[in-house]
C-alpha cells in the first residue's frame, strides 16, 4: 500500500518562495524567514547544492560557522533535482509554471540534458532556445549580482535560469566571499551565490569522509561570507535538494517494462516512462509488478492531481513529462542499462525526506 505523499507547500515554506520573499513581497516569508532578515536592507542568498536538512543535522558538528544561524526545515520542489529546484529558486515559480520538470526532458524524439543543454546529438543551443524553453524572467526582472562558477557562464541552463543578471563567475571557492563582498560594498540590496562542491563530491564519493571534508570547506566559505557582511546585512542559506547514499546499488529497468516504452526521461530516482496512450494501463501494471518493491509507481494524472508540480501546470510542462513515473524509495536507482549508467555513489531526485527537506538558515549582522 502506497503511503500518503504530500506535495511541497508551494504557497508557503518552500524554496520557490525564498527570492520573492526577500526581494518582492516580504509577507510571503512571514513565519519561516526571520523578521529581522526580511527587514534587512541587504541580503545574500547562498545556495549549497546537495545539502539536505537531514545531512545538515547529521554533520552539524563540523559546521561551527552555522552555530549562530537560525535554522528551519523547509521543502524543495518535486522532483528533487538541481535543474528543477534552481529554476524554481531563481524564478520564484513552481516546476509546472517554469517547465523545467526534471534533469532530462523529452523534446520530440530526443532527450535534453538540462544541466549540459545537450541531446544525444551534442549541443542543443542552436535547436533549443533556453529563453523560450523557460520563459519566466529570473528575479522578477531585477538584475542582481550572481556569484556562480565561471564554468557555467555561457551555458544553456544559465540562460534558462539566470539570464539578465550580473553574472560574476568564480574559478575557485575562495573567491566567493570576495565577489559577494564587492557587490555588497557597491550597495547592492540582493546578491545570489551558488556553490556546487558538495553535490559533486557526494555523487563521486558518497556521503563518507570526502563528503565531510567538503563540509569543512563549506564551513570556511560561510565564515568568509559572514566576515564581509556589512552591519545590518543578512545571509540566508538554503539548498536545492538532499542526497541518498546508494553506492553501486543500481537496478536495471525490467525488459517487460521497456517493451512498452517509447522514451525515458528524468533520472534514476525519478524515472519518467513515455509510452503510447493505448498502453498506459498495461505499462502501469507491468511497472508495478516489476519495481513496486523499490519504487512508488504513479501515473502522470495522479501526480498532476496531487499537485507535485504545483497547482498551475502549463500545457508545455504537461507535454514534457511521461505517462508513468517510477519514484524510488529505497537506496538504489533505476536505469535502462547497468553498463552505460553513470557510476554515482550518492543520488537524488526522489521524494524521501533525505532528498526533499532542505535547510533554511539565516543570520543578520547586527
Protein backbone atom coordinates (compact mmCIF):
# COMPACT_ATOMS: atom_id res chain seq x y z
CA UNK A 1 0.00 0.00 0.00
CA UNK A 2 1.37 3.39 -1.01
CA UNK A 3 1.79 5.99 1.75
CA UNK A 4 0.16 9.39 1.52
CA UNK A 5 2.71 11.71 -0.03
CA UNK A 6 2.20 15.44 0.38
CA UNK A 7 3.19 17.79 -2.39
CA UNK A 8 5.58 20.62 -1.50
CA UNK A 9 3.93 23.64 0.10
CA UNK A 10 4.38 25.85 -2.94
CA UNK A 11 2.49 28.69 -1.27
CA UNK A 12 4.50 28.56 1.96
CA UNK A 13 7.87 27.41 3.29
CA UNK A 14 9.33 26.13 0.05
CA UNK A 15 12.44 27.11 -1.89
CA UNK A 16 10.38 28.74 -4.66
CA UNK A 17 9.25 31.43 -2.22
CA UNK A 18 12.64 32.49 -0.84
CA UNK A 19 13.55 35.00 -3.57
CA UNK A 20 10.04 36.52 -3.80
CA UNK A 21 10.05 36.99 -0.01
CA UNK A 22 13.49 38.62 0.01
CA UNK A 23 13.12 40.96 -2.97
CA UNK A 24 9.39 41.45 -3.57
CA UNK A 25 6.73 40.55 -1.03
CA UNK A 26 8.02 40.12 2.50
CA UNK A 27 4.71 38.71 3.71
CA UNK A 28 5.42 35.51 1.77
CA UNK A 29 8.25 34.77 4.19
CA UNK A 30 6.44 35.61 7.42
CA UNK A 31 6.60 32.77 9.92
CA UNK A 32 9.53 30.91 8.35
CA UNK A 33 12.06 33.57 7.35
CA UNK A 34 13.14 35.62 10.41
CA UNK A 35 11.58 39.08 10.58
CA UNK A 36 14.96 40.75 11.01
CA UNK A 37 16.15 39.15 7.76
CA UNK A 38 13.05 40.26 5.88
CA UNK A 39 13.69 43.78 7.15
CA UNK A 40 17.36 43.82 6.10
CA UNK A 41 18.44 46.36 3.51
CA UNK A 42 20.97 43.93 2.05
CA UNK A 43 20.60 40.14 1.80
CA UNK A 44 22.86 37.44 0.41
CA UNK A 45 21.23 34.16 -0.63
CA UNK A 46 23.75 31.31 -0.72
CA UNK A 47 22.54 28.05 -2.29
CA UNK A 48 24.60 25.00 -1.32
CA UNK A 49 23.90 22.29 -3.86
CA UNK A 50 23.19 18.94 -2.20
CA UNK A 51 22.88 19.95 1.47
CA UNK A 52 19.66 18.35 2.70
CA UNK A 53 18.31 19.17 6.14
CA UNK A 54 18.94 15.64 7.41
CA UNK A 55 22.56 15.84 6.29
CA UNK A 56 22.89 19.30 7.84
CA UNK A 57 21.67 17.99 11.19
CA UNK A 58 23.80 14.85 10.97
CA UNK A 59 27.02 16.78 10.30
CA UNK A 60 26.33 20.00 12.17
CA UNK A 61 29.25 19.27 14.49
CA UNK A 62 31.68 20.06 11.67
CA UNK A 63 29.86 23.23 10.65
CA UNK A 64 30.65 25.58 13.58
CA UNK A 65 30.24 28.68 11.41
CA UNK A 66 26.49 27.92 11.37
CA UNK A 67 26.11 27.82 15.16
CA UNK A 68 24.65 31.33 15.34
CA UNK A 69 22.25 30.87 12.45
CA UNK A 70 18.56 30.27 12.95
CA UNK A 71 17.58 27.06 11.23
CA UNK A 72 14.35 25.70 9.85
CA UNK A 73 13.45 22.71 7.71
CA UNK A 74 11.63 23.67 4.52
CA UNK A 75 10.66 21.83 1.35
CA UNK A 76 12.28 21.81 -2.02
CA UNK A 77 10.36 21.08 -5.21
CA UNK A 78 9.50 17.79 -6.93
CA UNK A 79 11.49 16.22 -8.43
CA UNK A 80 14.39 16.91 -6.08
CA UNK A 81 16.90 17.68 -8.76
CA UNK A 82 19.19 20.63 -9.39
CA UNK A 83 17.78 21.80 -12.71
CA UNK A 84 14.21 21.96 -11.43
CA UNK A 85 14.96 23.35 -7.98
CA UNK A 86 17.40 26.09 -9.03
CA UNK A 87 14.95 27.31 -11.64
CA UNK A 88 12.20 27.46 -9.02
CA UNK A 89 14.52 29.34 -6.65
CA UNK A 90 15.56 32.00 -9.15
CA UNK A 91 12.19 32.47 -10.84
CA UNK A 92 10.02 32.13 -7.72
CA UNK A 93 7.79 29.72 -9.60
CA UNK A 94 6.75 26.07 -9.48
CA UNK A 95 8.01 23.38 -11.87
CA UNK A 96 4.61 23.34 -13.52
CA UNK A 97 4.95 27.04 -14.29
CA UNK A 98 8.56 27.25 -15.48
CA UNK A 99 8.52 23.91 -17.28
CA UNK A 100 11.94 22.55 -16.30
CA UNK A 101 10.38 19.43 -14.87
CA UNK A 102 13.47 17.27 -14.45
CA UNK A 103 17.14 16.65 -15.11
CA UNK A 104 16.47 15.07 -18.50
CA UNK A 105 13.41 16.11 -20.52
CA UNK A 106 11.97 14.60 -23.67
CA UNK A 107 11.91 17.09 -26.55
CA UNK A 108 10.31 15.46 -29.55
CA UNK A 109 12.17 12.21 -30.11
CA UNK A 110 15.28 13.32 -28.21
CA UNK A 111 16.15 13.77 -24.55
CA UNK A 112 17.55 17.11 -23.40
CA UNK A 113 20.07 17.06 -20.55
CA UNK A 114 19.16 20.35 -18.88
CA UNK A 115 22.40 20.97 -16.98
CA UNK A 116 24.57 20.31 -20.03
CA UNK A 117 21.99 21.56 -22.54
CA UNK A 118 22.81 18.67 -24.81
CA UNK A 119 20.84 15.94 -26.56
CA UNK A 120 22.09 12.64 -27.96
CA UNK A 121 23.39 14.60 -30.93
CA UNK A 122 25.52 17.02 -28.88
CA UNK A 123 24.98 20.69 -28.04
CA UNK A 124 21.35 21.77 -28.31
CA UNK A 125 21.82 25.55 -28.04
CA UNK A 126 21.08 26.14 -31.73
CA UNK A 127 17.98 23.92 -31.77
CA UNK A 128 16.51 24.62 -28.31
CA UNK A 129 16.46 28.24 -27.17
CA UNK A 130 16.80 28.35 -23.35
CA UNK A 131 14.77 31.55 -23.11
CA UNK A 132 11.84 30.07 -25.00
CA UNK A 133 12.19 26.76 -23.18
CA UNK A 134 11.98 28.53 -19.79
CA UNK A 135 10.14 31.83 -20.33
CA UNK A 136 9.86 33.19 -16.77
CA UNK A 137 12.33 36.02 -16.17
CA UNK A 138 14.52 35.30 -13.11
CA UNK A 139 14.48 37.50 -10.02
CA UNK A 140 11.32 39.29 -11.13
CA UNK A 141 13.25 41.14 -13.79
CA UNK A 142 15.77 42.65 -11.40
CA UNK A 143 19.47 42.37 -12.20
CA UNK A 144 21.28 41.15 -9.09
CA UNK A 145 24.90 40.06 -8.94
CA UNK A 146 25.07 36.29 -9.30
CA UNK A 147 28.21 34.65 -7.91
CA UNK A 148 28.44 31.23 -9.52
CA UNK A 149 31.08 29.00 -11.16
CA UNK A 150 32.76 30.63 -14.16
CA UNK A 151 32.49 27.31 -15.99
CA UNK A 152 28.73 27.86 -16.34
CA UNK A 153 28.86 31.45 -17.62
CA UNK A 154 27.69 30.77 -21.17
CA UNK A 155 25.71 27.57 -20.66
CA UNK A 156 22.18 26.96 -21.86
CA UNK A 157 20.96 26.27 -18.35
CA UNK A 158 22.46 29.55 -17.14
CA UNK A 159 20.48 31.37 -19.85
CA UNK A 160 17.37 29.50 -18.76
CA UNK A 161 17.50 30.32 -15.04
CA UNK A 162 19.98 33.20 -14.55
CA UNK A 163 19.65 35.43 -17.62
CA UNK A 164 19.61 39.24 -17.34
CA UNK A 165 21.78 39.18 -14.22
CA UNK A 166 25.25 40.48 -13.42
CA UNK A 167 26.84 37.04 -13.68
CA UNK A 168 30.14 37.05 -11.80
CA UNK A 169 31.91 33.76 -12.36
CA UNK A 170 34.45 32.40 -9.92
CA UNK A 171 37.08 29.75 -10.60
CA UNK A 172 37.88 28.70 -7.03
CA UNK A 173 35.76 28.70 -3.89
CA UNK A 174 37.94 31.24 -2.07
CA UNK A 175 36.64 33.90 -4.48
CA UNK A 176 33.01 33.54 -3.44
CA UNK A 177 33.24 35.78 -0.38
CA UNK A 178 35.40 38.29 -2.28
CA UNK A 179 32.83 38.67 -5.04
CA UNK A 180 29.93 38.82 -2.57
CA UNK A 181 31.75 41.46 -0.53
CA UNK A 182 32.40 43.64 -3.58
CA UNK A 183 28.73 43.54 -4.54
CA UNK A 184 27.65 44.47 -1.01
CA UNK A 185 30.11 47.36 -0.87
CA UNK A 186 28.57 48.67 -4.09
CA UNK A 187 25.33 48.85 -2.13
CA UNK A 188 23.51 46.07 -3.95
CA UNK A 189 20.42 45.07 -1.97
CA UNK A 190 20.40 41.40 -3.03
CA UNK A 191 23.20 39.02 -4.02
CA UNK A 192 22.73 35.42 -5.17
CA UNK A 193 25.58 32.93 -4.70
CA UNK A 194 25.78 29.27 -5.65
CA UNK A 195 28.26 26.55 -4.72
CA UNK A 196 28.14 23.01 -6.12
CA UNK A 197 31.12 21.30 -4.48
CA UNK A 198 29.11 19.22 -2.00
CA UNK A 199 26.83 17.81 -4.69
CA UNK A 200 29.82 16.91 -6.85
CA UNK A 201 31.73 15.08 -4.14
CA UNK A 202 28.57 13.35 -2.94
CA UNK A 203 27.94 11.97 -6.42
CA UNK A 204 31.56 10.88 -6.86
CA UNK A 205 32.47 9.61 -3.38
CA UNK A 206 29.20 9.27 -1.48
CA UNK A 207 28.38 10.55 1.99
CA UNK A 208 31.60 9.50 3.69
CA UNK A 209 34.94 11.08 4.57
CA UNK A 210 35.24 13.07 1.35
CA UNK A 211 31.76 14.49 1.93
CA UNK A 212 32.76 15.52 5.46
CA UNK A 213 35.91 17.18 4.12
CA UNK A 214 33.79 19.19 1.68
CA UNK A 215 31.50 20.25 4.51
CA UNK A 216 34.56 21.70 6.27
CA UNK A 217 35.26 23.64 3.08
CA UNK A 218 31.68 24.92 3.16
CA UNK A 219 32.15 25.95 6.77
CA UNK A 220 35.08 28.09 5.64
CA UNK A 221 33.05 29.59 2.78
CA UNK A 222 30.21 30.52 5.13
CA UNK A 223 32.57 32.05 7.68
CA UNK A 224 34.23 34.09 4.92
CA UNK A 225 30.90 35.40 3.64
CA UNK A 226 29.78 36.32 7.16
CA UNK A 227 33.01 38.33 7.58
CA UNK A 228 32.17 40.54 4.57
CA UNK A 229 28.58 41.27 5.64
CA UNK A 230 28.11 44.98 6.39
CA UNK A 231 26.28 45.86 9.57
CA UNK A 232 22.57 45.29 9.06
CA UNK A 233 23.05 42.84 6.19
CA UNK A 234 21.82 39.25 6.33
CA UNK A 235 22.92 35.91 4.96
CA UNK A 236 20.35 33.26 4.05
CA UNK A 237 21.48 29.74 3.19
CA UNK A 238 19.44 27.01 1.57
CA UNK A 239 19.82 24.05 -0.79
CA UNK A 240 18.20 22.61 -3.88
CA UNK A 241 17.92 19.04 -2.54
CA UNK A 242 19.48 16.48 -0.22
CA UNK A 243 21.14 13.20 -1.15
CA UNK A 244 20.83 9.44 -0.58
CA UNK A 245 23.89 7.20 -0.41
CA UNK A 246 23.30 4.43 -2.95
CA UNK A 247 26.85 3.23 -3.57
CA UNK A 248 26.98 0.98 -6.60
CA UNK A 249 23.48 -0.31 -5.96
CA UNK A 250 21.60 0.17 -9.22
CA UNK A 251 18.62 -1.70 -10.61
CA UNK A 252 18.04 -2.33 -14.28
CA UNK A 253 14.57 -1.47 -15.54
CA UNK A 254 12.76 -4.68 -16.43
CA UNK A 255 12.71 -5.63 -20.14
CA UNK A 256 8.98 -6.25 -19.69
CA UNK A 257 8.61 -2.55 -18.82
CA UNK A 258 10.89 -1.38 -21.61
CA UNK A 259 8.79 -3.27 -24.14
CA UNK A 260 6.06 -0.63 -23.67
CA UNK A 261 8.37 2.38 -23.54
CA UNK A 262 8.97 4.87 -26.36
CA UNK A 263 11.33 7.04 -24.30
CA UNK A 264 12.77 7.62 -20.83
CA UNK A 265 13.43 10.92 -19.07
CA UNK A 266 14.00 12.22 -15.55
CA UNK A 267 16.77 10.44 -13.66
CA UNK A 268 17.50 7.24 -11.79
CA UNK A 269 15.44 8.05 -8.68
CA UNK A 270 12.54 9.70 -10.52
CA UNK A 271 12.14 7.95 -13.84
CA UNK A 272 9.56 9.06 -16.39
CA UNK A 273 8.39 6.35 -18.78
CA UNK A 274 6.97 7.63 -22.06
CA UNK A 275 4.52 5.36 -23.86
CA UNK A 276 1.64 5.32 -26.29
CA UNK A 277 -1.71 6.29 -24.77
CA UNK A 278 -3.31 2.93 -25.51
CA UNK A 279 -0.63 1.11 -23.50
CA UNK A 280 -0.59 3.18 -20.33
CA UNK A 281 -2.70 0.84 -18.20
CA UNK A 282 -0.63 -2.18 -19.21
CA UNK A 283 2.58 -0.27 -18.53
CA UNK A 284 1.34 0.83 -15.10
CA UNK A 285 0.52 -2.75 -14.11
CA UNK A 286 3.77 -4.14 -15.51
CA UNK A 287 5.93 -1.47 -13.84
CA UNK A 288 4.19 -2.04 -10.50
CA UNK A 289 4.79 -5.79 -10.70
CA UNK A 290 8.42 -5.33 -11.72
CA UNK A 291 9.53 -2.49 -9.46
CA UNK A 292 6.84 -1.88 -6.86
CA UNK A 293 9.18 -3.21 -4.15
CA UNK A 294 11.68 -0.36 -4.59
CA UNK A 295 9.62 2.43 -6.18
CA UNK A 296 6.21 4.04 -5.99
CA UNK A 297 4.59 3.81 -9.39
CA UNK A 298 2.36 6.73 -10.37
CA UNK A 299 0.52 7.80 -13.46
CA UNK A 300 1.09 11.34 -14.66
CA UNK A 301 -2.57 12.03 -13.95
CA UNK A 302 -2.11 11.13 -10.26
CA UNK A 303 1.00 13.28 -9.90
CA UNK A 304 -0.63 16.30 -11.52
CA UNK A 305 -3.82 15.93 -9.47
CA UNK A 306 -1.78 15.73 -6.25
CA UNK A 307 -0.02 19.00 -7.10
CA UNK A 308 3.51 17.68 -7.16
CA UNK A 309 4.45 20.29 -9.77
CA UNK A 310 2.16 22.98 -8.36
CA UNK A 311 -1.48 23.90 -8.87
CA UNK A 312 -0.90 25.59 -12.22
CA UNK A 313 0.80 23.31 -14.73
CA UNK A 314 1.18 24.71 -18.22
CA UNK A 315 0.36 22.68 -21.29
CA UNK A 316 4.02 22.90 -22.22
CA UNK A 317 5.06 21.37 -18.89
CA UNK A 318 2.42 18.65 -19.23
CA UNK A 319 3.85 17.76 -22.61
CA UNK A 320 7.35 17.30 -21.19
CA UNK A 321 6.54 14.60 -18.63
CA UNK A 322 5.98 10.93 -19.30
CA UNK A 323 2.90 8.83 -18.71
CA UNK A 324 4.21 6.76 -15.80
CA UNK A 325 6.68 7.73 -13.05
CA UNK A 326 8.88 5.35 -11.08
CA UNK A 327 9.68 7.20 -7.84
CA UNK A 328 12.36 5.23 -5.99
CA UNK A 329 12.12 4.97 -2.20
CA UNK A 330 14.96 2.52 -1.49
CA UNK A 331 18.71 3.20 -1.63
CA UNK A 332 19.06 2.47 -5.31
CA UNK A 333 18.32 3.91 -8.73
CA UNK A 334 16.55 2.56 -11.82
CA UNK A 335 18.42 2.66 -15.13
CA UNK A 336 17.75 1.16 -18.58
CA UNK A 337 21.23 -0.35 -18.82
CA UNK A 338 23.68 -1.02 -15.98
CA UNK A 339 26.73 -0.92 -18.25
CA UNK A 340 26.13 2.60 -19.56
CA UNK A 341 24.75 4.12 -16.33
CA UNK A 342 26.83 6.80 -14.59
CA UNK A 343 28.78 5.46 -11.62
CA UNK A 344 27.46 7.65 -8.80
CA UNK A 345 27.73 6.90 -5.09
CA UNK A 346 25.02 9.30 -3.91
CA UNK A 347 21.91 10.32 -5.79
CA UNK A 348 18.78 12.44 -5.54
CA UNK A 349 15.59 13.18 -7.45
CA UNK A 350 13.04 11.26 -5.42
CA UNK A 351 10.76 12.43 -2.62
CA UNK A 352 12.20 10.80 0.52
CA UNK A 353 12.82 13.08 3.49
CA UNK A 354 16.57 12.88 2.88
CA UNK A 355 16.06 14.43 -0.55
CA UNK A 356 13.04 16.72 -0.26
CA UNK A 357 13.71 18.53 3.05
CA UNK A 358 16.33 21.27 2.92
CA UNK A 359 17.58 23.84 5.44
CA UNK A 360 16.67 27.50 5.65
CA UNK A 361 19.50 29.07 7.67
CA UNK A 362 19.62 32.79 8.44
CA UNK A 363 21.92 35.27 10.18
CA UNK A 364 21.79 39.06 10.41
CA UNK A 365 24.94 41.02 11.14
CA UNK A 366 23.73 43.37 13.86
